[in-house]
Amino acid sequence: MAALEKMPGHPRLYRRNATYYHRAAIPKDIATTYPKSEETFSLRTKDYREALKLVRVAAVEVDQRFAEHRKMLERPVQNELTPEQLKRVHDAYYRHILEKDEEARADGFAGYTAAKSFDEAMALNDCLISDTRRLYARGEMDEFFLGEAADVLTWGGIEINLDPASPSWGRLVRTLHEAYLRAAEGMQGRFRGEIVETPSETPVAASMTSSGPLFSTLFTQRKAEAMRTVEWSPKLIDDYQLWADLFIELKGDRPILEYRKADARDFKSLLMVMPSNKNKHKGTKGLPALEAVEAAKALGLPTLSTSTINKALGRLQATWNWANEQLDEEVSDIFGPMKLTSKGSARGEADPFSPAQLQIIFNSPLFKGCRSRRVRAEHGLTDMSDTSWFWLPLLGLWTGARLNELCQLNVEDVAEEGGIRFLRLHEGDATQRIKGGRKRNVPLHPELGRLGFPAFVDTQRQKRRTRVFPDLKIDTKGYYSGQPSKDFGAYITKLGAKTDKTSFHSFRHNFKDACRHSGVNPDINDILLGHALPGMAGRYGDGNVPLPRLYEAVCKIEYSGLSLGHIKGFTP
């Protein structure tokens, strides 16, 4: 395709072959959030004078689009569009196309883009219908409709700040395709002399009814409040959004006061047959919930765990309770009590590694020498003791810390007091998160000292590194552990040490068992793991235990049948 050639007369006027184009770069302040890399589109004319007129109009419209996008950014980010919102977009765009057609006809087609007569307008309409049908059939997102999608989201009554990475952009563009094709059929009828009415505008206050605000409206407000107060992490926001969207998909986006207990029961029934990791299986990925359930049954896929079902019900119940605090009317708690009775503790959701699995992991290439830093599951001469790959499993085994707690460690969090080296697990900066906010100090086991972890950290400190594992990057959900978790799972799968109920979190179960088998006091066990103390122990005292006492307990820990003597460790 020929390159665009800049033309005189207007800074945004370009030409490719004989056709003129509008072209504008996205302003820097919105470049990272705008859904397009530039606003380039055909003016659909080969006449220079007409192009000058059209590009001036287009420039004003595009600048207005930029301005509306800036306003939109002030609103809370929405991860996905609900079916109700997509329907609202469809109706608004359908009405918009027919309104523009009416205006063109009232003006004798004088303002009809690239057409100055009835015959030209009719031929252009047929051409656009053909192009749009091709795009719709192929599921393509062209620049024109992507720009239209960004514009529609700024319209009154819609006004949605959709995450640029949201999968809803594809559905949004297809919705516009559908609306355009239906409107174009009406325009064809008008060309035949038929009366095709433009639907009246839906009131802007569609999000409010006599029964109160829609659930989606309240949920957006709840999310905005939680984000403003840093009450929810990005990961937690995604989780709340997931279950809210699923509830709306099943029961519709209705005024919150209209939902009944039966709606909550239906949602619970759906959760009990919903496949786990729906979007990770080819047979269920992208399917609506009810279709995914049927497909999962046919494929024999596992369903959501009891804890996941209860978490989903809890998320919705918390939202209903928040809504009750905001509205003048009483919002009935339709989700409580409704949780399933768990058959066991968290151990039922994850297993510790067996002695055989631990032997496989710690006798693997990572700890004896890899083929290369990229080919880590094959034996070789490459020493990995200066990498997060090497240290994270060892730290998980000997501290019981969560993966993200280890991944986010700063060098200053590996401290020393009275000759005892320890990890300071806390929310030190904006990127460091501790579940439940339970900060704690965990002494380093002597085995970690033998393997050279303190020396490794000292080396990072000498290099003026801020973080212990600077190669790990924070993900979109605000965690450093996203990629390491996937990488570790893939690694132990290659080793043949992976089961459905084992992951990096299994080290945490191993540590708890090792504490128990080594005679560590149960309260100290919980303190080391960052668990709330049970019963009266959790109600009285500050829960603090002197570091020497914690170190004494850690030194007792051993793993029967596991020897790490073959691991040389880190040498500066």
Protein backbone atom coordinates (compact mmCIF):
# COMPACT_ATOMS: atom_id res chain seq x y z
CA MET A 1 0.00 0.00 0.00
CA ALA A 2 1.32 3.44 -0.96
CA ALA A 3 2.51 5.72 1.83
CA LEU A 4 0.47 8.76 2.86
CA GLU A 5 1.71 12.01 1.33
CA LYS A 6 1.36 15.23 3.32
CA MET A 7 -0.59 17.89 1.41
CA PRO A 8 -0.62 21.69 1.73
CA GLY A 9 -3.61 23.64 3.00
CA HIS A 10 -4.17 21.87 6.32
CA PRO A 11 -1.77 20.16 8.78
CA ARG A 12 -3.94 17.02 8.86
CA LEU A 13 -4.54 16.66 5.12
CA TYR A 14 -2.83 13.72 3.43
CA ARG A 15 -3.21 11.82 0.19
CA ARG A 16 -2.69 8.21 -0.80
CA ASN A 17 -2.77 7.61 -4.53
CA ALA A 18 -5.62 9.94 -5.51
CA THR A 19 -7.74 9.75 -2.34
CA TYR A 20 -7.46 12.31 0.47
CA TYR A 21 -7.17 11.41 4.15
CA HIS A 22 -7.36 12.98 7.60
CA ARG A 23 -4.33 12.06 9.73
CA ALA A 24 -3.56 13.15 13.31
CA ALA A 25 -1.26 11.84 16.01
CA ILE A 26 -2.80 11.04 19.39
CA PRO A 27 -1.94 13.74 21.98
CA LYS A 28 0.75 12.56 24.40
CA ASP A 29 -1.44 12.97 27.50
CA ILE A 30 -3.90 10.33 26.26
CA ALA A 31 -1.67 8.24 23.99
CA THR A 32 -1.41 5.32 26.42
CA THR A 33 -5.16 5.00 26.96
CA TYR A 34 -6.56 5.93 23.55
CA PRO A 35 -7.63 2.79 21.65
CA LYS A 36 -5.92 3.85 18.39
CA SER A 37 -2.34 4.74 17.56
CA GLU A 38 -3.45 7.65 15.34
CA GLU A 39 -6.65 9.11 13.87
CA THR A 40 -6.21 8.33 10.18
CA PHE A 41 -9.17 7.76 7.90
CA SER A 42 -10.26 8.37 4.33
CA LEU A 43 -12.18 11.53 3.48
CA ARG A 44 -13.61 9.56 0.57
CA THR A 45 -12.95 12.18 -2.03
CA LYS A 46 -10.38 12.78 -4.77
CA ASP A 47 -11.24 16.46 -5.13
CA TYR A 48 -8.71 18.75 -3.40
CA ARG A 49 -11.13 21.60 -2.67
CA GLU A 50 -13.72 19.27 -1.24
CA ALA A 51 -10.98 17.54 0.80
CA LEU A 52 -10.02 20.89 2.37
CA LYS A 53 -13.59 21.41 3.52
CA LEU A 54 -13.96 17.86 4.78
CA VAL A 55 -10.63 17.79 6.66
CA ARG A 56 -11.56 20.95 8.58
CA VAL A 57 -14.81 19.36 9.72
CA ALA A 58 -13.03 16.09 10.52
CA ALA A 59 -10.33 17.87 12.54
CA VAL A 60 -12.93 19.54 14.74
CA GLU A 61 -14.72 16.22 15.28
CA VAL A 62 -11.47 14.42 16.12
CA ASP A 63 -10.39 17.15 18.56
CA GLN A 64 -13.78 16.84 20.22
CA ARG A 65 -13.18 13.08 20.40
CA PHE A 66 -9.86 13.71 22.14
CA ALA A 67 -11.55 16.10 24.58
CA GLU A 68 -14.28 13.59 25.36
CA HIS A 69 -11.65 10.91 25.91
CA ARG A 70 -9.96 13.14 28.49
CA LYS A 71 -13.27 13.57 30.30
CA MET A 72 -13.83 9.84 30.16
CA LEU A 73 -10.48 9.20 31.86
CA GLU A 74 -11.79 11.01 34.93
CA ARG A 75 -14.36 8.26 35.36
CA PRO A 76 -13.51 4.88 36.94
CA VAL A 77 -12.01 2.33 34.55
CA GLN A 78 -14.39 -0.48 33.59
CA ASN A 79 -12.83 -3.82 32.65
CA GLU A 80 -15.70 -5.23 30.60
CA LEU A 81 -19.01 -4.09 29.18
CA THR A 82 -22.21 -5.65 30.45
CA PRO A 83 -24.89 -6.99 28.08
CA GLU A 84 -27.12 -4.09 29.16
CA GLN A 85 -24.43 -1.55 28.23
CA LEU A 86 -23.82 -3.18 24.86
CA LYS A 87 -27.57 -3.02 24.17
CA ARG A 88 -27.57 0.67 25.08
CA VAL A 89 -24.63 1.29 22.72
CA HIS A 90 -26.37 -0.61 19.92
CA ASP A 91 -29.57 1.41 20.24
CA ALA A 92 -27.74 4.73 20.48
CA TYR A 93 -25.57 4.05 17.42
CA TYR A 94 -28.53 2.73 15.39
CA ARG A 95 -30.45 5.92 16.16
CA HIS A 96 -27.37 8.04 15.38
CA ILE A 97 -26.92 6.55 11.88
CA LEU A 98 -30.57 7.04 10.98
CA GLU A 99 -30.53 10.61 12.34
CA LYS A 100 -27.53 11.52 10.18
CA ASP A 101 -29.26 10.01 7.17
CA GLU A 102 -32.36 12.11 7.86
CA GLU A 103 -30.25 15.26 8.09
CA ALA A 104 -28.52 14.47 4.78
CA ARG A 105 -31.84 13.93 3.01
CA ALA A 106 -33.30 17.12 4.48
CA ASP A 107 -30.26 18.94 3.08
CA GLY A 108 -30.67 17.37 -0.37
CA PHE A 109 -27.56 15.25 0.25
CA ALA A 110 -25.41 18.40 0.16
CA GLY A 111 -23.72 17.36 3.40
CA TYR A 112 -23.56 13.66 2.59
CA THR A 113 -19.90 12.58 2.78
CA ALA A 114 -18.44 11.91 -0.68
CA ALA A 115 -21.88 12.11 -2.30
CA LYS A 116 -23.69 15.11 -3.73
CA SER A 117 -26.75 13.46 -5.23
CA PHE A 118 -29.39 10.85 -4.54
CA ASP A 119 -27.78 8.30 -6.88
CA GLU A 120 -24.28 8.82 -5.43
CA ALA A 121 -25.62 8.50 -1.89
CA MET A 122 -27.47 5.28 -2.72
CA ALA A 123 -24.39 3.77 -4.38
CA LEU A 124 -22.23 4.78 -1.41
CA ASN A 125 -24.69 3.21 1.04
CA ASP A 126 -24.56 -0.10 -0.87
CA CYS A 127 -20.75 0.02 -0.83
CA LEU A 128 -20.60 0.68 2.91
CA ILE A 129 -23.05 -2.12 3.63
CA SER A 130 -20.86 -4.52 1.66
CA ASP A 131 -17.70 -3.42 3.49
CA THR A 132 -19.34 -3.65 6.91
CA ARG A 133 -20.76 -7.11 6.20
CA ARG A 134 -17.29 -8.30 5.25
CA LEU A 135 -15.84 -6.91 8.50
CA TYR A 136 -18.66 -8.41 10.56
CA ALA A 137 -18.34 -11.83 8.91
CA ARG A 138 -14.59 -11.93 9.55
CA GLY A 139 -14.74 -10.45 13.04
CA GLU A 140 -12.31 -7.68 12.08
CA MET A 141 -11.80 -4.46 14.03
CA ASP A 142 -11.02 -1.80 11.42
CA GLU A 143 -9.76 1.66 12.31
CA PHE A 144 -13.00 3.42 11.42
CA PHE A 145 -15.26 1.36 13.68
CA LEU A 146 -12.66 1.28 16.44
CA GLY A 147 -12.71 5.08 16.36
CA GLU A 148 -16.50 5.04 16.37
CA ALA A 149 -16.43 2.71 19.39
CA ALA A 150 -14.18 5.11 21.31
CA ASP A 151 -16.48 7.98 20.38
CA VAL A 152 -19.73 6.23 21.35
CA LEU A 153 -18.40 5.50 24.83
CA THR A 154 -18.24 9.26 25.46
CA TRP A 155 -21.88 9.92 24.54
CA GLY A 156 -24.35 11.08 27.16
CA GLY A 157 -26.21 8.19 28.74
CA ILE A 158 -23.28 5.85 28.05
CA GLU A 159 -20.08 7.57 29.29
CA ILE A 160 -17.91 4.53 29.97
CA ASN A 161 -14.16 4.55 30.58
CA LEU A 162 -13.33 1.13 29.13
CA ASP A 163 -9.92 -0.36 29.85
CA PRO A 164 -7.86 -0.19 26.61
CA ALA A 165 -6.87 -3.83 27.17
CA SER A 166 -10.46 -5.00 27.75
CA PRO A 167 -11.68 -7.94 25.64
CA SER A 168 -14.96 -6.03 25.34
CA TRP A 169 -13.54 -3.85 22.53
CA GLY A 170 -14.09 -6.68 20.08
CA ARG A 171 -17.69 -7.18 21.22
CA LEU A 172 -18.24 -3.42 21.14
CA VAL A 173 -17.07 -3.13 17.52
CA ARG A 174 -19.29 -6.07 16.51
CA THR A 175 -22.21 -4.37 18.24
CA LEU A 176 -21.57 -1.26 16.12
CA HIS A 177 -21.36 -3.44 12.99
CA GLU A 178 -24.76 -4.91 13.84
CA ALA A 179 -26.29 -1.52 14.59
CA TYR A 180 -24.89 -0.04 11.36
CA LEU A 181 -26.13 -2.92 9.18
CA ARG A 182 -29.63 -2.66 10.65
CA ALA A 183 -29.64 1.10 10.19
CA ALA A 184 -28.33 0.72 6.63
CA GLU A 185 -31.24 -1.60 5.83
CA GLY A 186 -33.54 1.19 6.96
CA MET A 187 -31.65 3.64 4.76
CA GLN A 188 -32.12 1.30 1.80
CA GLY A 189 -35.83 1.36 2.51
CA ARG A 190 -35.76 5.15 2.48
CA PHE A 191 -34.01 5.08 -0.90
CA ARG A 192 -36.99 3.02 -2.13
CA GLY A 193 -39.37 5.62 -0.79
CA GLU A 194 -40.43 3.65 2.28
CA ILE A 195 -41.17 5.33 5.61
CA VAL A 196 -38.52 4.27 8.11
CA GLU A 197 -38.77 6.11 11.40
CA THR A 198 -35.78 7.02 13.54
CA PRO A 199 -36.41 5.70 17.06
CA SER A 200 -36.83 8.27 19.79
CA GLU A 201 -33.93 8.83 22.16
CA THR A 202 -33.88 6.82 25.37
CA PRO A 203 -33.76 9.15 28.39
CA VAL A 204 -30.24 9.72 29.71
CA ALA A 205 -31.38 8.62 33.15
CA ALA A 206 -31.73 5.05 31.91
CA SER A 207 -29.45 3.94 34.72
CA MET A 208 -32.05 5.06 37.27
CA THR A 209 -35.61 3.83 37.67
CA SER A 210 -38.35 4.14 40.22
CA SER A 211 -36.83 1.05 41.84
CA GLY A 212 -33.46 2.69 42.35
CA PRO A 213 -30.16 2.54 40.50
CA LEU A 214 -29.07 -0.38 38.37
CA PHE A 215 -26.76 -2.94 39.94
CA SER A 216 -24.03 -2.04 37.41
CA THR A 217 -24.25 1.63 38.38
CA LEU A 218 -23.90 0.88 42.08
CA PHE A 219 -21.10 -1.58 41.47
CA THR A 220 -19.17 1.02 39.46
CA GLN A 221 -19.58 3.48 42.32
CA ARG A 222 -18.47 0.87 44.86
CA LYS A 223 -15.39 0.06 42.79
CA ALA A 224 -14.50 3.73 42.39
CA GLU A 225 -14.72 4.25 46.15
CA ALA A 226 -12.55 1.21 46.86
CA MET A 227 -9.95 2.33 44.31
CA ARG A 228 -9.86 5.86 45.72
CA THR A 229 -9.18 4.60 49.24
CA VAL A 230 -6.76 1.88 48.04
CA GLU A 231 -9.11 -0.57 49.72
CA TRP A 232 -8.93 -3.02 46.83
CA SER A 233 -5.84 -4.22 45.00
CA PRO A 234 -6.02 -4.52 41.18
CA LYS A 235 -6.30 -8.29 41.58
CA LEU A 236 -9.20 -7.93 44.01
CA ILE A 237 -10.93 -5.45 41.67
CA ASP A 238 -10.73 -7.99 38.84
CA ASP A 239 -12.19 -10.67 41.08
CA TYR A 240 -15.13 -8.52 42.17
CA GLN A 241 -15.69 -7.51 38.54
CA LEU A 242 -15.67 -11.15 37.40
CA TRP A 243 -18.49 -12.21 39.71
CA ALA A 244 -20.52 -9.02 39.20
CA ASP A 245 -20.38 -9.50 35.42
CA LEU A 246 -21.37 -13.16 35.75
CA PHE A 247 -24.34 -12.25 37.94
CA ILE A 248 -25.48 -9.62 35.43
CA GLU A 249 -25.04 -12.09 32.58
CA LEU A 250 -27.30 -14.58 34.35
CA LYS A 251 -29.94 -12.33 35.94
CA GLY A 252 -29.66 -9.14 33.88
CA ASP A 253 -28.69 -5.62 34.89
CA ARG A 254 -31.71 -4.51 36.91
CA PRO A 255 -32.43 -2.00 39.66
CA ILE A 256 -30.86 -3.51 42.75
CA LEU A 257 -34.12 -3.32 44.73
CA GLU A 258 -35.81 -5.61 42.19
CA TYR A 259 -33.57 -8.62 42.79
CA ARG A 260 -34.95 -11.36 45.01
CA LYS A 261 -33.62 -14.33 46.96
CA ALA A 262 -34.50 -16.55 44.01
CA ASP A 263 -32.00 -14.62 41.87
CA ALA A 264 -29.24 -15.35 44.38
CA ARG A 265 -30.23 -19.03 44.48
CA ASP A 266 -30.09 -19.22 40.68
CA PHE A 267 -26.62 -17.65 40.76
CA LYS A 268 -25.46 -20.15 43.38
CA SER A 269 -26.85 -23.03 41.30
CA LEU A 270 -24.92 -21.78 38.28
CA LEU A 271 -21.69 -21.51 40.27
CA MET A 272 -22.03 -25.11 41.41
CA VAL A 273 -21.89 -26.37 37.80
CA MET A 274 -19.60 -23.70 36.35
CA PRO A 275 -16.29 -25.06 35.03
CA SER A 276 -13.15 -23.86 36.78
CA ASN A 277 -10.76 -21.78 34.66
CA LYS A 278 -13.47 -21.38 32.02
CA ASN A 279 -11.37 -19.16 29.79
CA LYS A 280 -8.33 -21.45 29.89
CA HIS A 281 -10.05 -24.40 28.20
CA LYS A 282 -10.49 -24.36 24.43
CA GLY A 283 -13.90 -25.97 24.73
CA THR A 284 -15.31 -23.24 27.00
CA LYS A 285 -13.20 -20.16 26.32
CA GLY A 286 -15.28 -17.14 25.35
CA LEU A 287 -18.61 -18.95 25.71
CA PRO A 288 -21.54 -17.42 27.61
CA ALA A 289 -21.90 -18.92 31.08
CA LEU A 290 -24.81 -21.27 30.36
CA GLU A 291 -23.19 -22.54 27.15
CA ALA A 292 -19.89 -23.02 28.97
CA VAL A 293 -21.66 -25.17 31.57
CA GLU A 294 -23.09 -27.47 28.90
CA ALA A 295 -19.78 -27.68 27.07
CA ALA A 296 -17.94 -28.45 30.32
CA LYS A 297 -20.37 -31.27 31.11
CA ALA A 298 -19.79 -32.80 27.70
CA LEU A 299 -16.01 -32.52 28.10
CA GLY A 300 -16.02 -33.73 31.71
CA LEU A 301 -14.22 -30.63 32.99
CA PRO A 302 -13.89 -29.96 36.74
CA THR A 303 -16.21 -27.41 38.33
CA LEU A 304 -15.51 -24.52 40.70
CA SER A 305 -14.25 -25.46 44.14
CA THR A 306 -16.28 -24.88 47.27
CA SER A 307 -13.99 -22.08 48.38
CA THR A 308 -14.31 -20.31 44.99
CA ILE A 309 -18.10 -20.57 45.09
CA ASN A 310 -18.18 -19.16 48.61
CA LYS A 311 -15.81 -16.38 47.61
CA ALA A 312 -18.09 -15.41 44.70
CA LEU A 313 -21.16 -15.36 46.95
CA GLY A 314 -19.22 -13.33 49.50
CA ARG A 315 -18.21 -10.74 46.88
CA LEU A 316 -21.82 -10.22 45.85
CA GLN A 317 -23.05 -10.16 49.45
CA ALA A 318 -20.45 -7.51 50.32
CA THR A 319 -21.63 -5.38 47.39
CA TRP A 320 -25.27 -5.70 48.47
CA ASN A 321 -24.36 -4.72 52.02
CA TRP A 322 -22.46 -1.68 50.73
CA ALA A 323 -25.47 -0.67 48.63
CA ASN A 324 -27.67 -0.92 51.71
CA GLU A 325 -25.46 1.67 53.41
CA GLN A 326 -25.74 4.07 50.46
CA LEU A 327 -29.45 4.04 49.61
CA ASP A 328 -32.36 5.46 51.55
CA GLU A 329 -34.36 2.29 50.87
CA GLU A 330 -33.42 -0.96 52.60
CA VAL A 331 -31.53 -3.34 50.31
CA SER A 332 -32.33 -6.91 51.27
CA ASP A 333 -29.33 -9.20 51.84
CA ILE A 334 -30.34 -11.79 49.25
CA PHE A 335 -26.99 -13.59 49.42
CA GLY A 336 -26.88 -14.42 53.10
CA PRO A 337 -26.69 -16.96 54.54
CA MET A 338 -26.06 -19.01 51.39
CA LYS A 339 -22.45 -20.22 51.42
CA LEU A 340 -21.67 -23.91 51.02
CA THR A 341 -20.38 -25.90 53.98
CA SER A 342 -16.74 -26.67 53.36
CA LYS A 343 -15.69 -30.29 53.73
CA GLY A 344 -12.31 -29.30 55.06
CA SER A 345 -9.75 -26.58 55.53
CA ALA A 346 -7.57 -24.86 52.97
CA ARG A 347 -5.61 -28.13 52.80
CA GLY A 348 -8.51 -29.48 50.73
CA GLU A 349 -7.77 -26.85 48.07
CA ALA A 350 -4.01 -27.44 47.88
CA ASP A 351 -1.62 -30.21 48.83
CA PRO A 352 1.91 -30.00 50.19
CA PHE A 353 4.60 -31.49 47.98
CA SER A 354 5.23 -35.11 48.81
CA PRO A 355 8.78 -36.16 49.81
CA ALA A 356 9.17 -37.65 46.33
CA GLN A 357 8.08 -34.40 44.67
CA LEU A 358 10.49 -32.37 46.84
CA GLN A 359 13.32 -34.71 45.87
CA ILE A 360 12.52 -34.23 42.18
CA ILE A 361 12.34 -30.43 42.51
CA PHE A 362 15.52 -29.92 44.52
CA ASN A 363 17.52 -32.46 42.51
CA SER A 364 16.50 -30.77 39.27
CA PRO A 365 18.79 -28.71 36.97
CA LEU A 366 17.93 -25.45 38.74
CA PHE A 367 19.89 -26.62 41.79
CA LYS A 368 22.56 -28.75 40.10
CA GLY A 369 23.23 -26.85 36.88
CA CYS A 370 21.08 -26.00 33.84
CA ARG A 371 21.82 -26.33 30.17
CA SER A 372 21.40 -22.55 29.91
CA ARG A 373 19.47 -19.73 31.58
CA ARG A 374 16.70 -20.25 29.04
CA VAL A 375 16.75 -24.07 28.96
CA ARG A 376 16.30 -24.60 32.68
CA ALA A 377 14.71 -28.05 32.76
CA GLU A 378 17.76 -29.77 31.22
CA HIS A 379 21.00 -30.51 33.06
CA GLY A 380 24.14 -28.58 32.18
CA LEU A 381 26.87 -26.38 33.60
CA THR A 382 24.98 -23.09 34.01
CA ASP A 383 24.89 -21.95 37.66
CA MET A 384 21.51 -20.41 38.58
CA SER A 385 22.33 -19.41 42.16
CA ASP A 386 22.20 -15.69 41.33
CA THR A 387 18.62 -15.83 40.03
CA SER A 388 15.10 -15.69 41.44
CA TRP A 389 14.52 -19.12 39.88
CA PHE A 390 17.03 -20.61 42.30
CA TRP A 391 16.07 -18.76 45.47
CA LEU A 392 12.28 -18.57 45.41
CA PRO A 393 11.64 -22.33 45.90
CA LEU A 394 14.28 -22.50 48.65
CA LEU A 395 12.80 -19.48 50.41
CA GLY A 396 9.31 -20.94 50.08
CA LEU A 397 10.50 -24.20 51.62
CA TRP A 398 12.31 -22.64 54.60
CA THR A 399 10.14 -19.58 55.37
CA GLY A 400 6.61 -20.62 54.34
CA ALA A 401 6.12 -17.13 52.90
CA ARG A 402 3.69 -16.48 50.06
CA LEU A 403 5.22 -16.20 46.61
CA ASN A 404 4.41 -12.52 46.18
CA GLU A 405 5.82 -11.72 49.63
CA LEU A 406 9.13 -13.14 48.44
CA CYS A 407 9.04 -11.67 44.93
CA GLN A 408 8.47 -8.14 46.25
CA LEU A 409 11.32 -8.17 48.80
CA ASN A 410 13.50 -5.10 48.91
CA VAL A 411 17.16 -5.51 49.88
CA GLU A 412 16.50 -3.59 53.10
CA ASP A 413 13.81 -6.17 53.97
CA VAL A 414 16.54 -8.77 54.54
CA ALA A 415 17.75 -7.42 57.86
CA GLU A 416 19.90 -8.47 60.81
CA GLU A 417 19.37 -7.99 64.53
CA GLY A 418 21.47 -9.47 67.31
CA GLY A 419 23.29 -11.67 64.80
CA ILE A 420 20.01 -13.11 63.46
CA ARG A 421 19.20 -12.62 59.78
CA PHE A 422 15.50 -12.35 59.03
CA LEU A 423 12.96 -11.34 56.40
CA ARG A 424 10.91 -8.27 57.20
CA LEU A 425 7.58 -9.04 55.47
CA HIS A 426 5.54 -5.86 55.42
CA GLU A 427 3.84 -3.31 53.17
CA GLY A 428 6.88 -1.10 52.82
CA ASP A 429 6.03 0.80 49.64
CA ALA A 430 3.10 1.17 47.27
CA THR A 431 4.00 -2.02 45.38
CA GLN A 432 4.34 -4.28 48.43
CA ARG A 433 1.27 -6.14 49.59
CA ILE A 434 0.75 -8.46 52.55
CA LYS A 435 -2.45 -10.51 52.78
CA GLY A 436 -4.56 -9.23 55.63
CA GLY A 437 -1.90 -6.61 56.32
CA ARG A 438 -0.23 -9.03 58.79
CA LYS A 439 3.36 -7.87 58.77
CA ARG A 440 5.86 -10.18 60.43
CA ASN A 441 9.53 -11.04 60.82
CA VAL A 442 10.65 -14.50 59.69
CA PRO A 443 14.18 -15.60 60.70
CA LEU A 444 16.27 -17.26 58.01
CA HIS A 445 16.79 -20.98 58.57
CA PRO A 446 20.49 -21.96 58.95
CA GLU A 447 20.18 -23.93 55.70
CA LEU A 448 19.51 -20.67 53.82
CA GLY A 449 22.67 -19.29 55.39
CA ARG A 450 24.68 -22.34 54.29
CA LEU A 451 23.35 -21.96 50.76
CA GLY A 452 24.47 -18.33 50.66
CA PHE A 453 21.22 -16.36 50.60
CA PRO A 454 22.56 -13.60 52.93
CA ALA A 455 25.67 -13.36 50.70
CA PHE A 456 23.45 -13.12 47.61
CA VAL A 457 21.50 -10.24 49.18
CA ASP A 458 24.71 -8.52 50.26
CA THR A 459 25.89 -8.70 46.65
CA GLN A 460 22.65 -7.07 45.49
CA ARG A 461 23.20 -4.39 48.12
CA GLN A 462 26.76 -3.77 46.93
CA LYS A 463 25.43 -3.36 43.39
CA ARG A 464 23.04 -0.74 44.80
CA ARG A 465 20.03 -2.75 43.81
CA THR A 466 16.81 -1.75 45.56
CA ARG A 467 15.06 -5.08 45.21
CA VAL A 468 16.34 -8.57 45.97
CA PHE A 469 15.03 -9.87 42.64
CA PRO A 470 15.13 -6.86 40.30
CA ASP A 471 14.44 -9.03 37.23
CA LEU A 472 10.84 -9.62 38.38
CA LYS A 473 8.37 -7.08 37.02
CA ILE A 474 5.09 -5.97 38.51
CA ASP A 475 2.05 -7.09 36.49
CA THR A 476 -1.17 -5.28 35.59
CA LYS A 477 -2.78 -6.50 38.81
CA GLY A 478 -0.07 -4.97 40.96
CA TYR A 479 1.83 -8.16 41.84
CA TYR A 480 5.39 -9.31 41.19
CA SER A 481 4.40 -12.98 41.46
CA GLY A 482 2.21 -13.29 38.37
CA GLN A 483 4.86 -14.52 35.94
CA PRO A 484 6.97 -16.44 38.51
CA SER A 485 3.88 -18.41 39.52
CA LYS A 486 3.24 -19.44 35.90
CA ASP A 487 6.92 -20.17 35.31
CA PHE A 488 7.25 -22.37 38.39
CA GLY A 489 4.10 -24.30 37.48
CA ALA A 490 5.43 -24.90 33.96
CA TYR A 491 8.83 -25.94 35.33
CA ILE A 492 7.59 -28.58 37.76
CA THR A 493 5.23 -29.83 35.05
CA LYS A 494 8.27 -30.51 32.84
CA LEU A 495 9.90 -32.29 35.77
CA GLY A 496 6.84 -34.50 36.27
CA ALA A 497 6.34 -33.13 39.79
CA LYS A 498 3.05 -31.29 39.15
CA THR A 499 -0.42 -32.40 40.22
CA ASP A 500 -3.77 -30.60 40.13
CA LYS A 501 -3.40 -29.59 43.77
CA THR A 502 0.26 -28.60 43.89
CA SER A 503 1.81 -25.25 43.05
CA PHE A 504 4.29 -22.86 44.64
CA HIS A 505 1.73 -22.40 47.44
CA SER A 506 2.34 -26.04 48.37
CA PHE A 507 5.63 -25.00 50.01
CA ARG A 508 3.50 -23.10 52.52
CA HIS A 509 1.72 -26.30 53.47
CA ASN A 510 5.06 -28.12 53.65
CA PHE A 511 6.40 -25.47 56.03
CA LYS A 512 3.34 -25.69 58.29
CA ASP A 513 3.64 -29.49 58.42
CA ALA A 514 7.38 -29.25 59.10
CA CYS A 515 6.74 -26.87 62.01
CA ARG A 516 4.18 -29.25 63.44
CA HIS A 517 6.40 -32.33 63.05
CA SER A 518 9.39 -30.48 64.55
CA GLY A 519 7.49 -29.53 67.70
CA VAL A 520 7.12 -25.81 66.97
CA ASN A 521 4.50 -24.14 69.16
CA PRO A 522 1.25 -23.81 67.11
CA ASP A 523 0.94 -20.07 67.88
CA ILE A 524 4.49 -19.45 66.66
CA ASN A 525 3.71 -21.57 63.61
CA ASP A 526 0.79 -19.24 62.80
CA ILE A 527 2.87 -16.12 63.51
CA LEU A 528 5.59 -17.25 61.09
CA LEU A 529 2.99 -17.91 58.40
CA GLY A 530 1.13 -14.65 58.99
CA HIS A 531 -2.08 -16.35 60.10
CA ALA A 532 -4.47 -14.80 62.59
CA LEU A 533 -4.11 -16.54 65.94
CA PRO A 534 -7.16 -18.70 66.70
CA GLY A 535 -9.45 -18.38 69.70
CA MET A 536 -8.49 -16.37 72.77
CA ALA A 537 -4.85 -16.20 71.67
CA GLY A 538 -5.93 -13.90 68.88
CA ARG A 539 -7.93 -11.63 71.18
CA TYR A 540 -5.37 -10.91 73.89
CA GLY A 541 -1.82 -9.57 73.68
CA ASP A 542 -0.12 -7.95 70.71
CA GLY A 543 0.95 -11.21 69.08
CA ASN A 544 4.59 -10.16 69.04
CA VAL A 545 7.24 -12.80 69.82
CA PRO A 546 10.94 -11.86 70.33
CA LEU A 547 13.11 -12.57 67.31
CA PRO A 548 15.41 -15.01 69.22
CA ARG A 549 12.34 -17.08 70.18
CA LEU A 550 11.24 -17.19 66.54
CA TYR A 551 14.75 -18.12 65.42
CA GLU A 552 14.87 -20.92 67.99
CA ALA A 553 11.65 -22.29 66.51
CA VAL A 554 12.86 -21.99 62.91
CA CYS A 555 16.08 -23.82 63.73
CA LYS A 556 14.03 -26.84 64.81
CA ILE A 557 12.49 -27.23 61.36
CA GLU A 558 13.69 -30.10 59.22
CA TYR A 559 12.30 -32.11 56.32
CA SER A 560 12.57 -35.81 56.92
CA GLY A 561 14.06 -37.65 53.96
CA LEU A 562 15.09 -34.49 52.12
CA SER A 563 18.78 -33.70 51.71
CA LEU A 564 20.05 -30.54 50.08
CA GLY A 565 23.73 -31.28 50.63
CA HIS A 566 24.32 -31.57 46.88
CA ILE A 567 23.32 -27.91 46.33
CA LYS A 568 26.45 -25.75 46.33
CA GLY A 569 24.61 -22.47 46.76
CA PHE A 570 25.76 -18.95 46.01
CA THR A 571 29.35 -17.81 46.15
CA PRO A 572 30.12 -14.08 45.69
